[in-house]
Amino acid sequence: QGPTIASATIQISAVPLRKAAAQARAWFVAQAANVLAVDAATLRVD
């Protein structure tokens, strides 16, 4: 992701990291919805 310059870490290089974490959570919730036989939108995670 290039050199650590220009105050760009949180503003720019963290964007794909944030998306990746959100995508991982969505995958887990979808798997859980199948196992628990419920609507994924009704699930909460802690």
ModelCIF file with pLDDT and N, C-alpha, C, O atoms, coordinates in Angstrom:
data_MODEL
#
_entry.id   MODEL 
#
_entity.id                         1 
_entity.type                       polymer 
_entity.pdbx_number_of_molecules   1 
#
_entity_poly.entity_id                      1 
_entity_poly.type                           'polypeptide(L)' 
_entity_poly.nstd_linkage                   no 
_entity_poly.nstd_monomer                   no 
_entity_poly.pdbx_seq_one_letter_code       QGPTIASATIQISAVPLRKAAAQARAWFVAQAANVLAVDAATLRVD 
_entity_poly.pdbx_seq_one_letter_code_can   QGPTIASATIQISAVPLRKAAAQARAWFVAQAANVLAVDAATLRVD 
_entity_poly.pdbx_strand_id                 A 
#
loop_
_entity_poly_seq.entity_id 
_entity_poly_seq.num 
_entity_poly_seq.mon_id 
_entity_poly_seq.hetero 
1 1  GLN n 
1 2  GLY n 
1 3  PRO n 
1 4  THR n 
1 5  ILE n 
1 6  ALA n 
1 7  SER n 
1 8  ALA n 
1 9  THR n 
1 10 ILE n 
1 11 GLN n 
1 12 ILE n 
1 13 SER n 
1 14 ALA n 
1 15 VAL n 
1 16 PRO n 
1 17 LEU n 
1 18 ARG n 
1 19 LYS n 
1 20 ALA n 
1 21 ALA n 
1 22 ALA n 
1 23 GLN n 
1 24 ALA n 
1 25 ARG n 
1 26 ALA n 
1 27 TRP n 
1 28 PHE n 
1 29 VAL n 
1 30 ALA n 
1 31 GLN n 
1 32 ALA n 
1 33 ALA n 
1 34 ASN n 
1 35 VAL n 
1 36 LEU n 
1 37 ALA n 
1 38 VAL n 
1 39 ASP n 
1 40 ALA n 
1 41 ALA n 
1 42 THR n 
1 43 LEU n 
1 44 ARG n 
1 45 VAL n 
1 46 ASP n 
#
_struct_asym.id          A 
_struct_asym.entity_id   1 
#
loop_
_ma_qa_metric.id 
_ma_qa_metric.mode 
_ma_qa_metric.name 
_ma_qa_metric.software_group_id 
_ma_qa_metric.type 
1 global pLDDT . pLDDT 
2 local  pLDDT . pLDDT 
#
_ma_qa_metric_global.metric_id      1 
_ma_qa_metric_global.metric_value   93.61 
_ma_qa_metric_global.model_id       1 
_ma_qa_metric_global.ordinal_id     1 
#
loop_
_ma_qa_metric_local.label_asym_id 
_ma_qa_metric_local.label_comp_id 
_ma_qa_metric_local.label_seq_id 
_ma_qa_metric_local.metric_id 
_ma_qa_metric_local.metric_value 
_ma_qa_metric_local.model_id 
_ma_qa_metric_local.ordinal_id 
A GLN 1  2 88.00 1 1  
A GLY 2  2 83.00 1 2  
A PRO 3  2 85.00 1 3  
A THR 4  2 86.00 1 4  
A ILE 5  2 84.00 1 5  
A ALA 6  2 80.00 1 6  
A SER 7  2 84.00 1 7  
A ALA 8  2 87.00 1 8  
A THR 9  2 91.00 1 9  
A ILE 10 2 91.00 1 10 
A GLN 11 2 91.00 1 11 
A ILE 12 2 89.00 1 12 
A SER 13 2 91.00 1 13 
A ALA 14 2 93.00 1 14 
A VAL 15 2 94.00 1 15 
A PRO 16 2 95.00 1 16 
A LEU 17 2 97.00 1 17 
A ARG 18 2 97.00 1 18 
A LYS 19 2 97.00 1 19 
A ALA 20 2 98.00 1 20 
A ALA 21 2 98.00 1 21 
A ALA 22 2 98.00 1 22 
A GLN 23 2 98.00 1 23 
A ALA 24 2 98.00 1 24 
A ARG 25 2 98.00 1 25 
A ALA 26 2 97.00 1 26 
A TRP 27 2 98.00 1 27 
A PHE 28 2 98.00 1 28 
A VAL 29 2 97.00 1 29 
A ALA 30 2 97.00 1 30 
A GLN 31 2 97.00 1 31 
A ALA 32 2 97.00 1 32 
A ALA 33 2 96.00 1 33 
A ASN 34 2 95.00 1 34 
A VAL 35 2 95.00 1 35 
A LEU 36 2 95.00 1 36 
A ALA 37 2 95.00 1 37 
A VAL 38 2 96.00 1 38 
A ASP 39 2 95.00 1 39 
A ALA 40 2 94.00 1 40 
A ALA 41 2 93.00 1 41 
A THR 42 2 94.00 1 42 
A LEU 43 2 96.00 1 43 
A ARG 44 2 96.00 1 44 
A VAL 45 2 97.00 1 45 
A ASP 46 2 97.00 1 46 
#
loop_
_atom_site.group_PDB 
_atom_site.id 
_atom_site.type_symbol 
_atom_site.label_atom_id 
_atom_site.label_alt_id 
_atom_site.label_comp_id 
_atom_site.label_asym_id 
_atom_site.label_entity_id 
_atom_site.label_seq_id 
_atom_site.pdbx_PDB_ins_code 
_atom_site.Cartn_x 
_atom_site.Cartn_y 
_atom_site.Cartn_z 
_atom_site.occupancy 
_atom_site.B_iso_or_equiv 
_atom_site.pdbx_formal_charge 
_atom_site.auth_seq_id 
_atom_site.auth_comp_id 
_atom_site.auth_asym_id 
_atom_site.auth_atom_id 
_atom_site.pdbx_PDB_model_num 
ATOM 1   N N  . GLN A 1 1  ? 0.821   -1.209  0.000  1.00 88.00 ? 1  GLN A N  1 
ATOM 2   C CA . GLN A 1 1  ? 0.000   0.000   0.000  1.00 88.00 ? 1  GLN A CA 1 
ATOM 3   C C  . GLN A 1 1  ? 0.856   1.261   0.000  1.00 88.00 ? 1  GLN A C  1 
ATOM 4   O O  . GLN A 1 1  ? 0.413   2.337   0.402  1.00 88.00 ? 1  GLN A O  1 
ATOM 5   N N  . GLY A 1 2  ? 2.103   1.098   -0.465 1.00 83.00 ? 2  GLY A N  1 
ATOM 6   C CA . GLY A 1 2  ? 2.974   2.252   -0.596 1.00 83.00 ? 2  GLY A CA 1 
ATOM 7   C C  . GLY A 1 2  ? 3.583   2.682   0.722  1.00 83.00 ? 2  GLY A C  1 
ATOM 8   O O  . GLY A 1 2  ? 3.359   2.046   1.751  1.00 83.00 ? 2  GLY A O  1 
ATOM 9   N N  . PRO A 1 3  ? 4.362   3.771   0.697  1.00 85.00 ? 3  PRO A N  1 
ATOM 10  C CA . PRO A 1 3  ? 5.041   4.237   1.909  1.00 85.00 ? 3  PRO A CA 1 
ATOM 11  C C  . PRO A 1 3  ? 4.070   4.851   2.904  1.00 85.00 ? 3  PRO A C  1 
ATOM 12  O O  . PRO A 1 3  ? 2.988   5.312   2.540  1.00 85.00 ? 3  PRO A O  1 
ATOM 13  N N  . THR A 1 4  ? 4.476   4.849   4.163  1.00 86.00 ? 4  THR A N  1 
ATOM 14  C CA . THR A 1 4  ? 3.667   5.438   5.223  1.00 86.00 ? 4  THR A CA 1 
ATOM 15  C C  . THR A 1 4  ? 3.952   6.927   5.262  1.00 86.00 ? 4  THR A C  1 
ATOM 16  O O  . THR A 1 4  ? 4.785   7.396   6.037  1.00 86.00 ? 4  THR A O  1 
ATOM 17  N N  . ILE A 1 5  ? 3.249   7.659   4.416  1.00 84.00 ? 5  ILE A N  1 
ATOM 18  C CA . ILE A 1 5  ? 3.440   9.099   4.298  1.00 84.00 ? 5  ILE A CA 1 
ATOM 19  C C  . ILE A 1 5  ? 2.088   9.764   4.097  1.00 84.00 ? 5  ILE A C  1 
ATOM 20  O O  . ILE A 1 5  ? 1.072   9.104   3.878  1.00 84.00 ? 5  ILE A O  1 
ATOM 21  N N  . ALA A 1 6  ? 2.104   11.091  4.179  1.00 80.00 ? 6  ALA A N  1 
ATOM 22  C CA . ALA A 1 6  ? 0.974   11.938  3.795  1.00 80.00 ? 6  ALA A CA 1 
ATOM 23  C C  . ALA A 1 6  ? -0.258  11.728  4.672  1.00 80.00 ? 6  ALA A C  1 
ATOM 24  O O  . ALA A 1 6  ? -1.380  11.948  4.217  1.00 80.00 ? 6  ALA A O  1 
ATOM 25  N N  . SER A 1 7  ? -0.067  11.307  5.918  1.00 84.00 ? 7  SER A N  1 
ATOM 26  C CA . SER A 1 7  ? -1.191  11.156  6.846  1.00 84.00 ? 7  SER A CA 1 
ATOM 27  C C  . SER A 1 7  ? -2.309  10.302  6.258  1.00 84.00 ? 7  SER A C  1 
ATOM 28  O O  . SER A 1 7  ? -3.487  10.556  6.509  1.00 84.00 ? 7  SER A O  1 
ATOM 29  N N  . ALA A 1 8  ? -1.940  9.288   5.477  1.00 87.00 ? 8  ALA A N  1 
ATOM 30  C CA . ALA A 1 8  ? -2.931  8.573   4.675  1.00 87.00 ? 8  ALA A CA 1 
ATOM 31  C C  . ALA A 1 8  ? -3.348  7.228   5.244  1.00 87.00 ? 8  ALA A C  1 
ATOM 32  O O  . ALA A 1 8  ? -4.146  6.539   4.610  1.00 87.00 ? 8  ALA A O  1 
ATOM 33  N N  . THR A 1 9  ? -2.856  6.818   6.399  1.00 91.00 ? 9  THR A N  1 
ATOM 34  C CA . THR A 1 9  ? -3.126  5.460   6.872  1.00 91.00 ? 9  THR A CA 1 
ATOM 35  C C  . THR A 1 9  ? -4.605  5.253   7.200  1.00 91.00 ? 9  THR A C  1 
ATOM 36  O O  . THR A 1 9  ? -5.253  4.385   6.614  1.00 91.00 ? 9  THR A O  1 
ATOM 37  N N  . ILE A 1 10 ? -5.137  6.037   8.124  1.00 91.00 ? 10 ILE A N  1 
ATOM 38  C CA . ILE A 1 10 ? -6.540  5.862   8.506  1.00 91.00 ? 10 ILE A CA 1 
ATOM 39  C C  . ILE A 1 10 ? -7.457  6.359   7.391  1.00 91.00 ? 10 ILE A C  1 
ATOM 40  O O  . ILE A 1 10 ? -8.500  5.763   7.121  1.00 91.00 ? 10 ILE A O  1 
ATOM 41  N N  . GLN A 1 11 ? -7.063  7.444   6.754  1.00 91.00 ? 11 GLN A N  1 
ATOM 42  C CA . GLN A 1 11 ? -7.914  8.058   5.741  1.00 91.00 ? 11 GLN A CA 1 
ATOM 43  C C  . GLN A 1 11 ? -8.047  7.197   4.490  1.00 91.00 ? 11 GLN A C  1 
ATOM 44  O O  . GLN A 1 11 ? -9.108  7.177   3.865  1.00 91.00 ? 11 GLN A O  1 
ATOM 45  N N  . ILE A 1 12 ? -6.963  6.474   4.110  1.00 89.00 ? 12 ILE A N  1 
ATOM 46  C CA . ILE A 1 12 ? -6.959  5.783   2.818  1.00 89.00 ? 12 ILE A CA 1 
ATOM 47  C C  . ILE A 1 12 ? -6.658  4.298   2.956  1.00 89.00 ? 12 ILE A C  1 
ATOM 48  O O  . ILE A 1 12 ? -7.477  3.464   2.569  1.00 89.00 ? 12 ILE A O  1 
ATOM 49  N N  . SER A 1 13 ? -5.498  3.957   3.502  1.00 91.00 ? 13 SER A N  1 
ATOM 50  C CA . SER A 1 13 ? -5.076  2.547   3.472  1.00 91.00 ? 13 SER A CA 1 
ATOM 51  C C  . SER A 1 13 ? -5.908  1.667   4.400  1.00 91.00 ? 13 SER A C  1 
ATOM 52  O O  . SER A 1 13 ? -5.895  0.444   4.257  1.00 91.00 ? 13 SER A O  1 
ATOM 53  N N  . ALA A 1 14 ? -6.632  2.266   5.351  1.00 93.00 ? 14 ALA A N  1 
ATOM 54  C CA . ALA A 1 14 ? -7.479  1.470   6.234  1.00 93.00 ? 14 ALA A CA 1 
ATOM 55  C C  . ALA A 1 14 ? -8.818  1.109   5.594  1.00 93.00 ? 14 ALA A C  1 
ATOM 56  O O  . ALA A 1 14 ? -9.548  0.276   6.131  1.00 93.00 ? 14 ALA A O  1 
ATOM 57  N N  . VAL A 1 15 ? -9.151  1.716   4.468  1.00 94.00 ? 15 VAL A N  1 
ATOM 58  C CA . VAL A 1 15 ? -10.468 1.481   3.854  1.00 94.00 ? 15 VAL A CA 1 
ATOM 59  C C  . VAL A 1 15 ? -10.663 0.017   3.460  1.00 94.00 ? 15 VAL A C  1 
ATOM 60  O O  . VAL A 1 15 ? -11.680 -0.567  3.834  1.00 94.00 ? 15 VAL A O  1 
ATOM 61  N N  . PRO A 1 16 ? -9.736  -0.604  2.722  1.00 95.00 ? 16 PRO A N  1 
ATOM 62  C CA . PRO A 1 16 ? -9.945  -2.025  2.402  1.00 95.00 ? 16 PRO A CA 1 
ATOM 63  C C  . PRO A 1 16 ? -9.934  -2.918  3.633  1.00 95.00 ? 16 PRO A C  1 
ATOM 64  O O  . PRO A 1 16 ? -10.617 -3.942  3.657  1.00 95.00 ? 16 PRO A O  1 
ATOM 65  N N  . LEU A 1 17 ? -9.180  -2.552  4.644  1.00 97.00 ? 17 LEU A N  1 
ATOM 66  C CA . LEU A 1 17 ? -9.158  -3.330  5.884  1.00 97.00 ? 17 LEU A CA 1 
ATOM 67  C C  . LEU A 1 17 ? -10.529 -3.296  6.562  1.00 97.00 ? 17 LEU A C  1 
ATOM 68  O O  . LEU A 1 17 ? -11.025 -4.317  7.040  1.00 97.00 ? 17 LEU A O  1 
ATOM 69  N N  . ARG A 1 18 ? -11.124 -2.121  6.594  1.00 97.00 ? 18 ARG A N  1 
ATOM 70  C CA . ARG A 1 18 ? -12.459 -1.986  7.193  1.00 97.00 ? 18 ARG A CA 1 
ATOM 71  C C  . ARG A 1 18 ? -13.484 -2.805  6.402  1.00 97.00 ? 18 ARG A C  1 
ATOM 72  O O  . ARG A 1 18 ? -14.316 -3.500  6.985  1.00 97.00 ? 18 ARG A O  1 
ATOM 73  N N  . LYS A 1 19 ? -13.416 -2.716  5.081  1.00 97.00 ? 19 LYS A N  1 
ATOM 74  C CA . LYS A 1 19 ? -14.348 -3.491  4.249  1.00 97.00 ? 19 LYS A CA 1 
ATOM 75  C C  . LYS A 1 19 ? -14.151 -4.992  4.456  1.00 97.00 ? 19 LYS A C  1 
ATOM 76  O O  . LYS A 1 19 ? -15.117 -5.753  4.517  1.00 97.00 ? 19 LYS A O  1 
ATOM 77  N N  . ALA A 1 20 ? -12.905 -5.403  4.562  1.00 98.00 ? 20 ALA A N  1 
ATOM 78  C CA . ALA A 1 20 ? -12.625 -6.826  4.743  1.00 98.00 ? 20 ALA A CA 1 
ATOM 79  C C  . ALA A 1 20 ? -13.220 -7.338  6.047  1.00 98.00 ? 20 ALA A C  1 
ATOM 80  O O  . ALA A 1 20 ? -13.787 -8.430  6.084  1.00 98.00 ? 20 ALA A O  1 
ATOM 81  N N  . ALA A 1 21 ? -13.093 -6.553  7.123  1.00 98.00 ? 21 ALA A N  1 
ATOM 82  C CA . ALA A 1 21 ? -13.645 -6.982  8.404  1.00 98.00 ? 21 ALA A CA 1 
ATOM 83  C C  . ALA A 1 21 ? -15.166 -7.043  8.347  1.00 98.00 ? 21 ALA A C  1 
ATOM 84  O O  . ALA A 1 21 ? -15.771 -7.972  8.881  1.00 98.00 ? 21 ALA A O  1 
ATOM 85  N N  . ALA A 1 22 ? -15.783 -6.061  7.703  1.00 98.00 ? 22 ALA A N  1 
ATOM 86  C CA . ALA A 1 22 ? -17.237 -6.067  7.577  1.00 98.00 ? 22 ALA A CA 1 
ATOM 87  C C  . ALA A 1 22 ? -17.707 -7.241  6.716  1.00 98.00 ? 22 ALA A C  1 
ATOM 88  O O  . ALA A 1 22 ? -18.729 -7.864  7.004  1.00 98.00 ? 22 ALA A O  1 
ATOM 89  N N  . GLN A 1 23 ? -16.957 -7.532  5.669  1.00 98.00 ? 23 GLN A N  1 
ATOM 90  C CA . GLN A 1 23 ? -17.316 -8.650  4.797  1.00 98.00 ? 23 GLN A CA 1 
ATOM 91  C C  . GLN A 1 23 ? -17.191 -9.978  5.541  1.00 98.00 ? 23 GLN A C  1 
ATOM 92  O O  . GLN A 1 23 ? -18.009 -10.878 5.354  1.00 98.00 ? 23 GLN A O  1 
ATOM 93  N N  . ALA A 1 24 ? -16.177 -10.094 6.376  1.00 98.00 ? 24 ALA A N  1 
ATOM 94  C CA . ALA A 1 24 ? -16.008 -11.313 7.176  1.00 98.00 ? 24 ALA A CA 1 
ATOM 95  C C  . ALA A 1 24 ? -17.184 -11.494 8.134  1.00 98.00 ? 24 ALA A C  1 
ATOM 96  O O  . ALA A 1 24 ? -17.711 -12.598 8.272  1.00 98.00 ? 24 ALA A O  1 
ATOM 97  N N  . ARG A 1 25 ? -17.590 -10.417 8.792  1.00 98.00 ? 25 ARG A N  1 
ATOM 98  C CA . ARG A 1 25 ? -18.739 -10.504 9.702  1.00 98.00 ? 25 ARG A CA 1 
ATOM 99  C C  . ARG A 1 25 ? -20.000 -10.946 8.955  1.00 98.00 ? 25 ARG A C  1 
ATOM 100 O O  . ARG A 1 25 ? -20.754 -11.788 9.442  1.00 98.00 ? 25 ARG A O  1 
ATOM 101 N N  . ALA A 1 26 ? -20.221 -10.374 7.777  1.00 97.00 ? 26 ALA A N  1 
ATOM 102 C CA . ALA A 1 26 ? -21.409 -10.731 7.001  1.00 97.00 ? 26 ALA A CA 1 
ATOM 103 C C  . ALA A 1 26 ? -21.399 -12.215 6.640  1.00 97.00 ? 26 ALA A C  1 
ATOM 104 O O  . ALA A 1 26 ? -22.445 -12.864 6.639  1.00 97.00 ? 26 ALA A O  1 
ATOM 105 N N  . TRP A 1 27 ? -20.225 -12.745 6.336  1.00 98.00 ? 27 TRP A N  1 
ATOM 106 C CA . TRP A 1 27 ? -20.125 -14.167 6.009  1.00 98.00 ? 27 TRP A CA 1 
ATOM 107 C C  . TRP A 1 27 ? -20.494 -15.025 7.215  1.00 98.00 ? 27 TRP A C  1 
ATOM 108 O O  . TRP A 1 27 ? -21.247 -15.990 7.087  1.00 98.00 ? 27 TRP A O  1 
ATOM 109 N N  . PHE A 1 28 ? -19.968 -14.675 8.378  1.00 98.00 ? 28 PHE A N  1 
ATOM 110 C CA . PHE A 1 28 ? -20.280 -15.438 9.588  1.00 98.00 ? 28 PHE A CA 1 
ATOM 111 C C  . PHE A 1 28 ? -21.777 -15.392 9.897  1.00 98.00 ? 28 PHE A C  1 
ATOM 112 O O  . PHE A 1 28 ? -22.381 -16.406 10.247 1.00 98.00 ? 28 PHE A O  1 
ATOM 113 N N  . VAL A 1 29 ? -22.359 -14.210 9.761  1.00 97.00 ? 29 VAL A N  1 
ATOM 114 C CA . VAL A 1 29 ? -23.785 -14.081 10.054 1.00 97.00 ? 29 VAL A CA 1 
ATOM 115 C C  . VAL A 1 29 ? -24.611 -14.922 9.080  1.00 97.00 ? 29 VAL A C  1 
ATOM 116 O O  . VAL A 1 29 ? -25.593 -15.553 9.470  1.00 97.00 ? 29 VAL A O  1 
ATOM 117 N N  . ALA A 1 30 ? -24.198 -14.923 7.800  1.00 97.00 ? 30 ALA A N  1 
ATOM 118 C CA . ALA A 1 30 ? -24.925 -15.733 6.816  1.00 97.00 ? 30 ALA A CA 1 
ATOM 119 C C  . ALA A 1 30 ? -24.815 -17.218 7.138  1.00 97.00 ? 30 ALA A C  1 
ATOM 120 O O  . ALA A 1 30 ? -25.793 -17.955 7.009  1.00 97.00 ? 30 ALA A O  1 
ATOM 121 N N  . GLN A 1 31 ? -23.624 -17.663 7.558  1.00 97.00 ? 31 GLN A N  1 
ATOM 122 C CA . GLN A 1 31 ? -23.460 -19.075 7.930  1.00 97.00 ? 31 GLN A CA 1 
ATOM 123 C C  . GLN A 1 31 ? -24.312 -19.408 9.148  1.00 97.00 ? 31 GLN A C  1 
ATOM 124 O O  . GLN A 1 31 ? -24.937 -20.467 9.205  1.00 97.00 ? 31 GLN A O  1 
ATOM 125 N N  . ALA A 1 32 ? -24.334 -18.506 10.116 1.00 97.00 ? 32 ALA A N  1 
ATOM 126 C CA . ALA A 1 32 ? -25.109 -18.743 11.329 1.00 97.00 ? 32 ALA A CA 1 
ATOM 127 C C  . ALA A 1 32 ? -26.603 -18.792 11.028 1.00 97.00 ? 32 ALA A C  1 
ATOM 128 O O  . ALA A 1 32 ? -27.336 -19.592 11.609 1.00 97.00 ? 32 ALA A O  1 
ATOM 129 N N  . ALA A 1 33 ? -27.048 -17.928 10.112 1.00 96.00 ? 33 ALA A N  1 
ATOM 130 C CA . ALA A 1 33 ? -28.465 -17.916 9.754  1.00 96.00 ? 33 ALA A CA 1 
ATOM 131 C C  . ALA A 1 33 ? -28.886 -19.264 9.179  1.00 96.00 ? 33 ALA A C  1 
ATOM 132 O O  . ALA A 1 33 ? -29.993 -19.734 9.443  1.00 96.00 ? 33 ALA A O  1 
ATOM 133 N N  . ASN A 1 34 ? -28.016 -19.882 8.401  1.00 95.00 ? 34 ASN A N  1 
ATOM 134 C CA . ASN A 1 34 ? -28.321 -21.202 7.847  1.00 95.00 ? 34 ASN A CA 1 
ATOM 135 C C  . ASN A 1 34 ? -28.383 -22.260 8.945  1.00 95.00 ? 34 ASN A C  1 
ATOM 136 O O  . ASN A 1 34 ? -29.281 -23.102 8.959  1.00 95.00 ? 34 ASN A O  1 
ATOM 137 N N  . VAL A 1 35 ? -27.434 -22.207 9.850  1.00 95.00 ? 35 VAL A N  1 
ATOM 138 C CA . VAL A 1 35 ? -27.386 -23.203 10.924 1.00 95.00 ? 35 VAL A CA 1 
ATOM 139 C C  . VAL A 1 35 ? -28.581 -23.054 11.859 1.00 95.00 ? 35 VAL A C  1 
ATOM 140 O O  . VAL A 1 35 ? -29.192 -24.045 12.259 1.00 95.00 ? 35 VAL A O  1 
ATOM 141 N N  . LEU A 1 36 ? -28.913 -21.804 12.206 1.00 95.00 ? 36 LEU A N  1 
ATOM 142 C CA . LEU A 1 36 ? -29.980 -21.546 13.170 1.00 95.00 ? 36 LEU A CA 1 
ATOM 143 C C  . LEU A 1 36 ? -31.351 -21.456 12.522 1.00 95.00 ? 36 LEU A C  1 
ATOM 144 O O  . LEU A 1 36 ? -32.370 -21.378 13.207 1.00 95.00 ? 36 LEU A O  1 
ATOM 145 N N  . ALA A 1 37 ? -31.365 -21.469 11.184 1.00 95.00 ? 37 ALA A N  1 
ATOM 146 C CA . ALA A 1 37 ? -32.631 -21.408 10.435 1.00 95.00 ? 37 ALA A CA 1 
ATOM 147 C C  . ALA A 1 37 ? -33.431 -20.160 10.788 1.00 95.00 ? 37 ALA A C  1 
ATOM 148 O O  . ALA A 1 37 ? -34.629 -20.232 11.066 1.00 95.00 ? 37 ALA A O  1 
ATOM 149 N N  . VAL A 1 38 ? -32.750 -19.014 10.774 1.00 96.00 ? 38 VAL A N  1 
ATOM 150 C CA . VAL A 1 38 ? -33.419 -17.735 11.038 1.00 96.00 ? 38 VAL A CA 1 
ATOM 151 C C  . VAL A 1 38 ? -32.983 -16.731 9.985  1.00 96.00 ? 38 VAL A C  1 
ATOM 152 O O  . VAL A 1 38 ? -32.060 -16.980 9.210  1.00 96.00 ? 38 VAL A O  1 
ATOM 153 N N  . ASP A 1 39 ? -33.657 -15.604 9.972  1.00 95.00 ? 39 ASP A N  1 
ATOM 154 C CA . ASP A 1 39 ? -33.307 -14.512 9.072  1.00 95.00 ? 39 ASP A CA 1 
ATOM 155 C C  . ASP A 1 39 ? -32.021 -13.856 9.581  1.00 95.00 ? 39 ASP A C  1 
ATOM 156 O O  . ASP A 1 39 ? -31.911 -13.506 10.756 1.00 95.00 ? 39 ASP A O  1 
ATOM 157 N N  . ALA A 1 40 ? -31.067 -13.698 8.688  1.00 94.00 ? 40 ALA A N  1 
ATOM 158 C CA . ALA A 1 40 ? -29.781 -13.109 9.088  1.00 94.00 ? 40 ALA A CA 1 
ATOM 159 C C  . ALA A 1 40 ? -29.955 -11.719 9.684  1.00 94.00 ? 40 ALA A C  1 
ATOM 160 O O  . ALA A 1 40 ? -29.180 -11.323 10.554 1.00 94.00 ? 40 ALA A O  1 
ATOM 161 N N  . ALA A 1 41 ? -30.951 -10.979 9.235  1.00 93.00 ? 41 ALA A N  1 
ATOM 162 C CA . ALA A 1 41 ? -31.151 -9.613  9.725  1.00 93.00 ? 41 ALA A CA 1 
ATOM 163 C C  . ALA A 1 41 ? -31.545 -9.574  11.193 1.00 93.00 ? 41 ALA A C  1 
ATOM 164 O O  . ALA A 1 41 ? -31.433 -8.528  11.833 1.00 93.00 ? 41 ALA A O  1 
ATOM 165 N N  . THR A 1 42 ? -32.007 -10.702 11.741 1.00 94.00 ? 42 THR A N  1 
ATOM 166 C CA . THR A 1 42 ? -32.447 -10.726 13.141 1.00 94.00 ? 42 THR A CA 1 
ATOM 167 C C  . THR A 1 42 ? -31.322 -11.089 14.098 1.00 94.00 ? 42 THR A C  1 
ATOM 168 O O  . THR A 1 42 ? -31.511 -11.057 15.314 1.00 94.00 ? 42 THR A O  1 
ATOM 169 N N  . LEU A 1 43 ? -30.162 -11.431 13.569 1.00 96.00 ? 43 LEU A N  1 
ATOM 170 C CA . LEU A 1 43 ? -29.055 -11.879 14.411 1.00 96.00 ? 43 LEU A CA 1 
ATOM 171 C C  . LEU A 1 43 ? -28.231 -10.705 14.927 1.00 96.00 ? 43 LEU A C  1 
ATOM 172 O O  . LEU A 1 43 ? -28.081 -9.683  14.258 1.00 96.00 ? 43 LEU A O  1 
ATOM 173 N N  . ARG A 1 44 ? -27.710 -10.879 16.116 1.00 96.00 ? 44 ARG A N  1 
ATOM 174 C CA . ARG A 1 44 ? -26.775 -9.884  16.662 1.00 96.00 ? 44 ARG A CA 1 
ATOM 175 C C  . ARG A 1 44 ? -25.488 -10.599 17.083 1.00 96.00 ? 44 ARG A C  1 
ATOM 176 O O  . ARG A 1 44 ? -25.485 -11.796 17.372 1.00 96.00 ? 44 ARG A O  1 
ATOM 177 N N  . VAL A 1 45 ? -24.404 -9.833  17.107 1.00 97.00 ? 45 VAL A N  1 
ATOM 178 C CA . VAL A 1 45 ? -23.084 -10.420 17.362 1.00 97.00 ? 45 VAL A CA 1 
ATOM 179 C C  . VAL A 1 45 ? -22.406 -9.676  18.502 1.00 97.00 ? 45 VAL A C  1 
ATOM 180 O O  . VAL A 1 45 ? -22.429 -8.446  18.548 1.00 97.00 ? 45 VAL A O  1 
ATOM 181 N N  . ASP A 1 46 ? -21.807 -10.415 19.411 1.00 97.00 ? 46 ASP A N  1 
ATOM 182 C CA . ASP A 1 46 ? -21.041 -9.832  20.507 1.00 97.00 ? 46 ASP A CA 1 
ATOM 183 C C  . ASP A 1 46 ? -19.793 -10.677 20.712 1.00 97.00 ? 46 ASP A C  1 
ATOM 184 O O  . ASP A 1 46 ? -18.984 -10.379 21.590 1.00 97.00 ? 46 ASP A O  1 
#
